[in-house]
Amino acid sequence: MTDSVDTTSPQAGASSRVLLPVPGLTIACEWQIGPVRFLPIGVARELVHAMARPGAGFENPAFQSYLEDRMSVLDQFAVAEVASAGGNEDALATVSDALAVLRAVQHMRSPMVGKGHQTFGLPGEVPSAVVDYVIMGDGLTVGAARRGALAGWEFTAEDHQAWETEPTFRFLDEAFTRPEPDRTVLQARALLAVRLLSQGWLSYQPDLEVLNSAVALETLLGEATDQDKKFRIARRVSYFWCGWPGQLYPGTGRPACALLSLPLDGQRRGAPGPALRRVLADMRAGRVMRCTQFFDVCAVYDARNEIVHHGQLSVGQDPPSTWFTGAQLLSKVLAWFAAHPDSDLSDLDAEISALPTPPARTDPAR
């Protein structure tokens, strides 16, 4: 419910600047992400009072009291400032998207930290609660457990310097700064994938995180015309580990991995061709070493299908790892996007196809 106390300033209008609190976020300095400016803890009051001017309503005692109450709250947190012609709801949506970008930076800059317990967001975005419980069995156990976020997150001056200088982050900032209709294909893919990953990270539900991770992978690296989407996506993911920006074994003459170089079946829209099917069968059977990255992507997609078609993962089935998407893959994909700003993913497939082809197998097809 929106507060209806009539103490708003006449300054509100087409060029309004909205301030919103971001609990859990600590930043060392001002941080601009597209149209959103994030400010450190404790500066909201100073910023608002610097806007005061005669005749703007600041002299009204009721308004001053109401404002001071709000400033006491805002001063406890880092704040997001954004210009908004659409009011508070429009500002909330824009800041939420900017925070999704900032969470992606968190994952890429600090991949080994458990982000489920150290995160930040607008009020209501980040669940955190103490659950009291009673266990009745042979005896009686009473206790409490903390669920959701346990702590916030601090971005250092070094993190901000990386945001300002690294091509991966410059690509994200440019994409978010552009109006949505003007974004390139790769910019649109990147921002939607980041939003999906962020929603999964904040869900605290394994099934939802798997679903969001699968859709984010498809958004980043999938093709709408493919029927068997996971194989092309898994190939592209593997390329970012082994084939880009240079071959894994430069100068050795060693051919590219068969998972990258053996063709997909053009008639079956993304399915493996016969030779690739044999290699995959050998890997599943343990006859040759399997590629972790390729099969991790396949596992996410298989779990996604299980959830979609049966409502949940099978009883006893552990959710597949989705950690690699934000912590390891995203930075590599965005770096490629930044180096190919006006491209589409057909150029990525051309790079993969240009890798040296392994010798043809001579054993009979199974």
Protein backbone atom coordinates (compact mmCIF):
# COMPACT_ATOMS: atom_id res chain seq x y z
CA MET A 1 0.00 0.00 0.00
CA THR A 2 1.32 3.44 -0.91
CA ASP A 3 1.59 5.94 1.95
CA SER A 4 -1.06 8.60 1.37
CA VAL A 5 0.16 11.29 3.77
CA ASP A 6 -0.06 14.57 1.83
CA THR A 7 3.43 15.88 2.55
CA THR A 8 5.03 15.47 -0.85
CA SER A 9 7.09 18.29 -2.26
CA PRO A 10 5.94 20.22 -5.36
CA GLN A 11 9.28 19.21 -6.94
CA ALA A 12 7.83 15.83 -7.95
CA GLY A 13 7.20 15.69 -11.69
CA ALA A 14 8.54 14.62 -15.05
CA SER A 15 12.17 14.99 -13.91
CA SER A 16 11.74 13.40 -10.47
CA ARG A 17 14.73 11.70 -8.87
CA VAL A 18 13.76 8.72 -6.74
CA LEU A 19 15.88 7.51 -3.81
CA LEU A 20 15.48 3.90 -2.72
CA PRO A 21 17.24 1.98 0.08
CA VAL A 22 19.31 -1.12 -0.72
CA PRO A 23 19.71 -3.18 2.49
CA GLY A 24 22.80 -5.36 2.61
CA LEU A 25 24.79 -3.35 0.07
CA THR A 26 28.03 -1.62 1.07
CA ILE A 27 30.03 0.30 -1.54
CA ALA A 28 33.26 2.19 -1.14
CA CYS A 29 32.29 4.99 -3.50
CA GLU A 30 29.58 6.22 -5.83
CA TRP A 31 28.76 3.59 -8.47
CA GLN A 32 26.90 4.29 -11.72
CA ILE A 33 25.13 1.43 -13.49
CA GLY A 34 23.32 2.70 -16.55
CA PRO A 35 20.73 5.24 -15.37
CA VAL A 36 21.05 4.23 -11.70
CA ARG A 37 23.49 5.85 -9.31
CA PHE A 38 24.32 3.90 -6.14
CA LEU A 39 25.55 5.94 -3.18
CA PRO A 40 27.30 4.82 0.03
CA ILE A 41 25.62 4.47 3.39
CA GLY A 42 24.88 7.75 5.14
CA VAL A 43 24.69 10.20 2.23
CA ALA A 44 20.93 10.27 1.59
CA ARG A 45 20.17 13.04 4.07
CA GLU A 46 22.91 15.30 2.71
CA LEU A 47 21.75 14.71 -0.86
CA VAL A 48 18.11 15.54 -0.11
CA HIS A 49 18.91 18.67 1.86
CA ALA A 50 21.18 19.87 -0.94
CA MET A 51 18.08 19.87 -3.16
CA ALA A 52 16.17 22.25 -0.86
CA ARG A 53 15.21 25.59 -2.32
CA PRO A 54 12.78 28.36 -1.25
CA GLY A 55 9.16 27.71 -2.12
CA ALA A 56 9.66 23.98 -2.67
CA GLY A 57 7.78 22.92 0.46
CA PHE A 58 10.80 22.23 2.66
CA GLU A 59 9.75 24.97 5.12
CA ASN A 60 6.50 23.14 5.95
CA PRO A 61 6.94 21.72 9.51
CA ALA A 62 4.80 18.65 8.77
CA PHE A 63 6.82 17.93 5.64
CA GLN A 64 10.10 18.44 7.52
CA SER A 65 9.05 15.96 10.20
CA TYR A 66 7.92 13.40 7.66
CA LEU A 67 11.12 13.86 5.65
CA GLU A 68 13.34 13.43 8.70
CA ASP A 69 11.59 10.16 9.55
CA ARG A 70 12.29 8.87 6.04
CA MET A 71 15.88 10.10 6.08
CA SER A 72 16.51 8.28 9.36
CA VAL A 73 15.62 5.06 7.53
CA LEU A 74 17.46 5.81 4.28
CA ASP A 75 20.64 6.87 6.07
CA GLN A 76 21.06 3.33 7.40
CA PHE A 77 21.57 1.92 3.92
CA ALA A 78 23.29 2.46 0.63
CA VAL A 79 20.76 4.11 -1.68
CA ALA A 80 19.93 3.96 -5.35
CA GLU A 81 19.09 7.19 -7.15
CA VAL A 82 17.32 7.17 -10.51
CA ALA A 83 15.45 9.73 -12.58
CA SER A 84 11.90 8.55 -13.20
CA ALA A 85 8.96 10.00 -15.06
CA GLY A 86 6.83 6.98 -14.12
CA GLY A 87 6.93 7.38 -10.36
CA ASN A 88 8.02 4.98 -7.66
CA GLU A 89 7.01 1.72 -9.39
CA ASP A 90 8.94 2.58 -12.53
CA ALA A 91 11.98 3.47 -10.41
CA LEU A 92 11.71 0.18 -8.49
CA ALA A 93 11.79 -1.83 -11.72
CA THR A 94 14.83 0.06 -13.04
CA VAL A 95 16.76 -0.25 -9.78
CA SER A 96 15.89 -3.95 -9.53
CA ASP A 97 17.45 -4.54 -12.96
CA ALA A 98 20.54 -2.53 -11.98
CA LEU A 99 20.91 -4.65 -8.85
CA ALA A 100 20.73 -7.79 -10.98
CA VAL A 101 23.71 -6.45 -12.93
CA LEU A 102 25.52 -5.72 -9.67
CA ARG A 103 24.87 -9.27 -8.43
CA ALA A 104 26.37 -10.59 -11.66
CA VAL A 105 29.47 -8.47 -10.97
CA GLN A 106 29.57 -9.95 -7.46
CA HIS A 107 29.52 -13.50 -8.85
CA MET A 108 32.15 -12.79 -11.48
CA ARG A 109 34.49 -10.90 -9.15
CA SER A 110 34.18 -13.32 -6.19
CA PRO A 111 33.23 -16.72 -7.62
CA MET A 112 34.14 -18.78 -4.55
CA VAL A 113 31.93 -16.98 -2.01
CA GLY A 114 28.50 -18.37 -1.11
CA LYS A 115 26.22 -15.68 -2.47
CA GLY A 116 23.06 -17.28 -1.10
CA HIS A 117 24.06 -16.11 2.38
CA GLN A 118 25.83 -12.88 1.38
CA THR A 119 23.67 -10.72 -0.83
CA PHE A 120 21.72 -7.47 -1.09
CA GLY A 121 18.60 -6.07 -2.69
CA LEU A 122 15.63 -3.78 -2.46
CA PRO A 123 13.42 -4.27 0.61
CA GLY A 124 11.51 -7.51 0.11
CA GLU A 125 13.86 -8.91 -2.56
CA VAL A 126 16.16 -10.81 -0.21
CA PRO A 127 14.48 -13.32 2.13
CA SER A 128 15.90 -13.61 5.63
CA ALA A 129 14.06 -15.14 8.56
CA VAL A 130 14.42 -17.13 11.75
CA VAL A 131 12.29 -20.28 11.72
CA ASP A 132 11.25 -21.69 15.10
CA TYR A 133 10.56 -25.41 15.17
CA VAL A 134 9.58 -28.31 17.39
CA ILE A 135 10.57 -31.90 16.58
CA MET A 136 8.43 -34.58 18.23
CA GLY A 137 9.78 -38.12 18.28
CA ASP A 138 11.27 -40.23 21.06
CA GLY A 139 11.93 -36.96 22.80
CA LEU A 140 11.08 -33.32 22.25
CA THR A 141 13.47 -30.95 20.48
CA VAL A 142 12.90 -27.22 20.31
CA GLY A 143 15.07 -24.94 18.24
CA ALA A 144 15.41 -22.20 15.69
CA ALA A 145 17.17 -21.93 12.35
CA ARG A 146 18.13 -18.98 10.20
CA ARG A 147 17.10 -19.13 6.55
CA GLY A 148 18.01 -16.90 3.65
CA ALA A 149 20.63 -14.17 3.73
CA LEU A 150 22.90 -14.03 6.75
CA ALA A 151 24.97 -11.02 5.70
CA GLY A 152 25.24 -8.34 3.06
CA TRP A 153 28.03 -7.70 0.59
CA GLU A 154 30.74 -5.06 0.27
CA PHE A 155 32.12 -3.90 -3.05
CA THR A 156 35.62 -2.50 -2.72
CA ALA A 157 37.32 0.34 -4.56
CA GLU A 158 39.09 -2.34 -6.61
CA ASP A 159 35.72 -3.79 -7.65
CA HIS A 160 34.60 -0.34 -8.79
CA GLN A 161 37.84 0.16 -10.72
CA ALA A 162 37.22 -3.15 -12.51
CA TRP A 163 33.67 -2.04 -13.32
CA GLU A 164 34.98 1.18 -14.81
CA THR A 165 37.74 -0.38 -16.91
CA GLU A 166 37.18 -4.03 -17.84
CA PRO A 167 35.55 -4.65 -21.26
CA THR A 168 33.16 -7.26 -19.83
CA PHE A 169 31.67 -4.77 -17.40
CA ARG A 170 31.76 -1.88 -19.88
CA PHE A 171 29.64 -4.06 -22.19
CA LEU A 172 27.05 -4.60 -19.45
CA ASP A 173 26.96 -0.91 -18.56
CA GLU A 174 26.52 0.18 -22.18
CA ALA A 175 23.77 -2.40 -22.67
CA PHE A 176 21.87 -1.21 -19.59
CA THR A 177 22.35 2.46 -20.47
CA ARG A 178 20.80 2.08 -23.92
CA PRO A 179 17.00 2.30 -24.24
CA GLU A 180 15.58 -1.19 -24.69
CA PRO A 181 14.53 -0.73 -28.36
CA ASP A 182 18.09 0.34 -29.28
CA ARG A 183 19.93 -2.61 -27.75
CA THR A 184 21.82 -5.02 -29.96
CA VAL A 185 20.96 -8.71 -30.05
CA LEU A 186 23.89 -9.57 -27.79
CA GLN A 187 23.12 -6.74 -25.36
CA ALA A 188 19.51 -7.91 -25.04
CA ARG A 189 20.63 -11.51 -24.53
CA ALA A 190 23.11 -10.52 -21.82
CA LEU A 191 20.72 -8.38 -19.79
CA LEU A 192 17.89 -10.91 -19.89
CA ALA A 193 20.27 -13.71 -18.86
CA VAL A 194 21.57 -11.61 -15.95
CA ARG A 195 18.02 -10.88 -14.83
CA LEU A 196 17.12 -14.59 -14.95
CA LEU A 197 20.24 -15.62 -13.04
CA SER A 198 19.57 -12.98 -10.41
CA GLN A 199 16.01 -14.21 -9.91
CA GLY A 200 17.33 -17.73 -9.45
CA TRP A 201 19.97 -16.62 -6.93
CA LEU A 202 17.33 -14.82 -4.86
CA SER A 203 14.77 -17.64 -4.99
CA TYR A 204 16.44 -19.94 -2.42
CA GLN A 205 14.60 -22.81 -4.13
CA PRO A 206 16.78 -25.35 -5.97
CA ASP A 207 14.14 -26.19 -8.58
CA LEU A 208 13.62 -22.54 -9.47
CA GLU A 209 17.35 -21.90 -9.63
CA VAL A 210 17.76 -24.84 -12.03
CA LEU A 211 14.91 -23.55 -14.22
CA ASN A 212 16.29 -20.02 -14.27
CA SER A 213 19.81 -21.23 -14.95
CA ALA A 214 18.64 -23.36 -17.89
CA VAL A 215 16.68 -20.49 -19.42
CA ALA A 216 19.62 -18.12 -18.83
CA LEU A 217 21.96 -20.52 -20.65
CA GLU A 218 19.49 -20.70 -23.53
CA THR A 219 19.19 -16.92 -23.57
CA LEU A 220 22.96 -16.47 -23.71
CA LEU A 221 23.91 -19.26 -26.10
CA GLY A 222 20.82 -20.96 -27.52
CA GLU A 223 19.20 -20.94 -30.95
CA ALA A 224 15.45 -20.58 -31.34
CA THR A 225 15.39 -22.96 -34.32
CA ASP A 226 17.05 -25.85 -32.46
CA GLN A 227 14.90 -28.70 -31.24
CA ASP A 228 17.61 -30.40 -29.16
CA LYS A 229 18.87 -27.15 -27.68
CA LYS A 230 21.19 -28.51 -25.03
CA PHE A 231 23.84 -29.92 -27.39
CA ARG A 232 24.61 -26.68 -29.23
CA ILE A 233 24.57 -24.78 -25.95
CA ALA A 234 26.86 -27.36 -24.33
CA ARG A 235 29.23 -27.13 -27.31
CA ARG A 236 29.36 -23.36 -27.08
CA VAL A 237 29.94 -23.53 -23.31
CA SER A 238 32.80 -26.01 -23.85
CA TYR A 239 34.33 -23.70 -26.44
CA PHE A 240 34.61 -20.93 -23.86
CA TRP A 241 36.57 -23.28 -21.60
CA CYS A 242 38.79 -24.91 -24.21
CA GLY A 243 38.78 -22.99 -27.48
CA TRP A 244 38.54 -19.25 -26.85
CA PRO A 245 40.31 -16.86 -27.11
CA GLY A 246 42.97 -19.36 -28.23
CA GLN A 247 43.32 -23.11 -28.52
CA LEU A 248 43.96 -24.99 -25.32
CA TYR A 249 47.09 -26.60 -26.84
CA PRO A 250 48.57 -23.89 -29.12
CA GLY A 251 51.50 -24.95 -31.25
CA THR A 252 51.20 -28.65 -30.44
CA GLY A 253 49.20 -29.65 -33.50
CA ARG A 254 46.73 -31.38 -31.21
CA PRO A 255 43.25 -31.23 -32.79
CA ALA A 256 40.24 -29.68 -31.11
CA CYS A 257 38.10 -31.78 -28.81
CA ALA A 258 35.64 -33.93 -30.73
CA LEU A 259 32.78 -32.32 -28.80
CA LEU A 260 33.65 -29.02 -30.48
CA SER A 261 34.60 -30.17 -33.94
CA LEU A 262 32.32 -33.07 -34.86
CA PRO A 263 29.21 -31.78 -36.62
CA LEU A 264 25.71 -31.48 -35.30
CA ASP A 265 22.91 -33.05 -37.34
CA GLY A 266 21.54 -30.30 -39.58
CA GLN A 267 18.37 -32.26 -40.26
CA ARG A 268 17.55 -32.72 -36.59
CA ARG A 269 17.99 -29.09 -35.53
CA GLY A 270 20.80 -29.18 -33.01
CA ALA A 271 21.03 -32.91 -32.32
CA PRO A 272 24.48 -34.56 -32.47
CA GLY A 273 25.55 -36.02 -35.78
CA PRO A 274 26.42 -39.77 -35.96
CA ALA A 275 30.12 -39.37 -35.11
CA LEU A 276 29.38 -37.06 -32.19
CA ARG A 277 26.73 -39.47 -30.89
CA ARG A 278 29.37 -42.20 -30.75
CA VAL A 279 31.77 -39.98 -28.82
CA LEU A 280 29.05 -39.04 -26.34
CA ALA A 281 28.15 -42.71 -25.88
CA ASP A 282 31.80 -43.53 -25.17
CA MET A 283 32.00 -40.74 -22.61
CA ARG A 284 28.82 -41.82 -20.84
CA ALA A 285 30.10 -45.40 -20.73
CA GLY A 286 33.47 -44.33 -19.36
CA ARG A 287 35.44 -45.62 -22.35
CA VAL A 288 36.97 -42.17 -22.85
CA MET A 289 37.33 -39.20 -20.53
CA ARG A 290 34.19 -37.09 -20.40
CA CYS A 291 34.10 -33.31 -20.60
CA THR A 292 32.82 -31.89 -17.31
CA GLN A 293 31.56 -28.64 -18.80
CA PHE A 294 29.66 -30.27 -21.65
CA PHE A 295 27.91 -32.75 -19.39
CA ASP A 296 27.22 -30.15 -16.67
CA VAL A 297 25.16 -28.20 -19.22
CA CYS A 298 23.37 -31.37 -20.32
CA ALA A 299 22.61 -32.16 -16.67
CA VAL A 300 21.04 -28.72 -16.13
CA TYR A 301 18.85 -29.20 -19.19
CA ASP A 302 17.86 -32.75 -18.22
CA ALA A 303 16.88 -31.50 -14.75
CA ARG A 304 14.99 -28.61 -16.33
CA ASN A 305 12.96 -31.10 -18.38
CA GLU A 306 12.32 -33.23 -15.29
CA ILE A 307 10.96 -30.20 -13.41
CA VAL A 308 8.85 -28.95 -16.31
CA HIS A 309 7.28 -32.32 -17.11
CA HIS A 310 6.93 -33.73 -13.58
CA GLY A 311 6.64 -30.62 -11.42
CA GLN A 312 9.83 -31.29 -9.49
CA LEU A 313 13.05 -33.27 -9.49
CA SER A 314 12.63 -36.97 -8.78
CA VAL A 315 12.70 -37.96 -5.12
CA GLY A 316 16.30 -38.40 -4.04
CA GLN A 317 17.67 -36.65 -7.13
CA ASP A 318 20.15 -33.92 -6.27
CA PRO A 319 19.86 -30.72 -8.32
CA PRO A 320 22.69 -30.28 -10.83
CA SER A 321 25.37 -27.72 -10.26
CA THR A 322 24.42 -24.30 -11.61
CA TRP A 323 27.24 -22.46 -9.86
CA PHE A 324 29.46 -22.44 -12.94
CA THR A 325 27.07 -20.27 -14.96
CA GLY A 326 27.55 -17.07 -12.98
CA ALA A 327 30.93 -17.79 -11.43
CA GLN A 328 32.86 -19.03 -14.47
CA LEU A 329 30.93 -18.94 -17.73
CA LEU A 330 29.26 -15.53 -17.67
CA SER A 331 32.49 -13.50 -17.70
CA LYS A 332 33.85 -15.48 -20.66
CA VAL A 333 30.65 -15.11 -22.69
CA LEU A 334 30.39 -11.39 -21.96
CA ALA A 335 34.03 -10.92 -22.93
CA TRP A 336 33.24 -12.50 -26.31
CA PHE A 337 30.14 -10.33 -26.64
CA ALA A 338 32.23 -7.23 -25.87
CA ALA A 339 34.77 -8.22 -28.55
CA HIS A 340 32.00 -8.82 -31.13
CA PRO A 341 29.52 -6.01 -30.36
CA ASP A 342 27.66 -6.05 -33.68
CA SER A 343 27.74 -9.81 -34.15
CA ASP A 344 25.33 -12.64 -33.52
CA LEU A 345 26.05 -16.19 -32.46
CA SER A 346 26.56 -17.41 -36.03
CA ASP A 347 30.04 -15.86 -35.76
CA LEU A 348 30.63 -17.95 -32.64
CA ASP A 349 29.72 -21.12 -34.52
CA ALA A 350 32.05 -20.07 -37.34
CA GLU A 351 34.92 -19.83 -34.83
CA ILE A 352 34.10 -23.26 -33.47
CA SER A 353 33.92 -24.74 -36.97
CA ALA A 354 37.35 -23.31 -37.78
CA LEU A 355 39.02 -25.40 -35.07
CA PRO A 356 41.18 -28.30 -36.35
CA THR A 357 39.14 -31.45 -36.95
CA PRO A 358 40.19 -34.69 -35.23
CA PRO A 359 40.92 -37.77 -37.36
CA ALA A 360 37.90 -39.77 -38.48
CA ARG A 361 37.07 -42.80 -36.39
CA THR A 362 37.52 -46.16 -38.06
CA ASP A 363 35.73 -48.36 -35.52
CA PRO A 364 32.24 -49.58 -36.49
CA ALA A 365 29.24 -47.48 -35.48
CA ARG A 366 27.45 -48.66 -32.38
